[in-house]
Protein backbone atom coordinates (compact mmCIF):
# COMPACT_ATOMS: atom_id res chain seq x y z
CA MET A 1 -3.53 -2.85 -18.12
CA GLY A 2 -2.84 -0.57 -15.21
CA ARG A 3 -1.11 -1.21 -11.93
CA VAL A 4 -2.88 -2.73 -8.95
CA MET A 5 -2.24 -1.57 -5.38
CA GLY A 6 -2.91 -3.80 -2.43
CA PRO A 7 -2.73 -3.35 1.34
CA ASP A 8 -1.36 -5.99 3.71
CA VAL A 9 -2.90 -5.16 7.08
CA GLY A 10 -1.15 -6.68 10.07
CA THR A 11 -1.45 -6.12 13.80
CA ARG A 12 1.54 -3.75 13.99
CA THR A 13 2.06 -2.49 10.45
CA VAL A 14 0.23 -1.89 7.17
CA GLY A 15 2.18 -2.73 4.04
CA VAL A 16 1.34 -1.42 0.60
CA ALA A 17 2.42 -3.23 -2.57
CA ALA A 18 2.11 -2.27 -6.24
CA SER A 19 2.06 -4.54 -9.26
CA ASP A 20 4.05 -3.97 -12.41
CA PRO A 21 2.07 -2.65 -15.41
CA GLY A 22 1.50 -6.21 -16.68
CA ARG A 23 0.16 -7.29 -13.27
CA THR A 24 2.67 -10.13 -13.03
CA LEU A 25 4.76 -9.12 -10.02
CA ALA A 26 3.99 -7.06 -6.92
CA SER A 27 6.68 -5.12 -5.07
CA PRO A 28 6.54 -3.41 -1.68
CA VAL A 29 5.92 0.33 -1.81
CA ARG A 30 5.58 1.44 1.79
CA THR A 31 5.19 0.15 5.34
CA LEU A 32 3.27 2.20 7.89
CA SER A 33 3.19 1.65 11.64
CA ARG A 34 -0.35 1.11 12.85
CA ARG A 35 -1.79 3.65 15.25
CA SER A 36 -5.56 3.70 14.84
CA VAL A 37 -7.99 2.87 12.06
CA ARG A 38 -8.41 6.58 11.28
CA ASP A 39 -4.65 7.27 11.12
CA ASP A 40 -4.08 4.15 9.01
CA ALA A 41 -6.76 5.24 6.51
CA VAL A 42 -5.30 8.75 6.30
CA GLY A 43 -1.75 7.47 5.68
CA LEU A 44 -2.51 4.97 2.91
CA PRO A 45 -3.31 7.41 0.07
CA PHE A 46 0.18 8.92 0.31
CA GLY A 47 1.75 5.60 -0.68
CA VAL A 48 -0.71 5.28 -3.55
CA GLU A 49 -0.15 8.80 -4.92
CA GLU A 50 3.64 8.31 -5.07
CA HIS A 51 3.30 5.26 -7.34
CA GLY A 52 0.07 6.18 -9.18
C-alpha cells in the first residue's frame, strides 16, 4: 500500500496530512495560509512532492 495525502481546507489555512505506508496514521505535513483559490492550488503540490 502507498501513502495517502489529504487536504484540510479551512477559512484561514490549508493543512496537508500524509498517512504512513500502512495507512494507519496520518501526520501533518504542511500548513499554508490561504490567499486565493488559485494560490492555494498552486501551493499544495509542493507539500505533496516533499513527501511523495
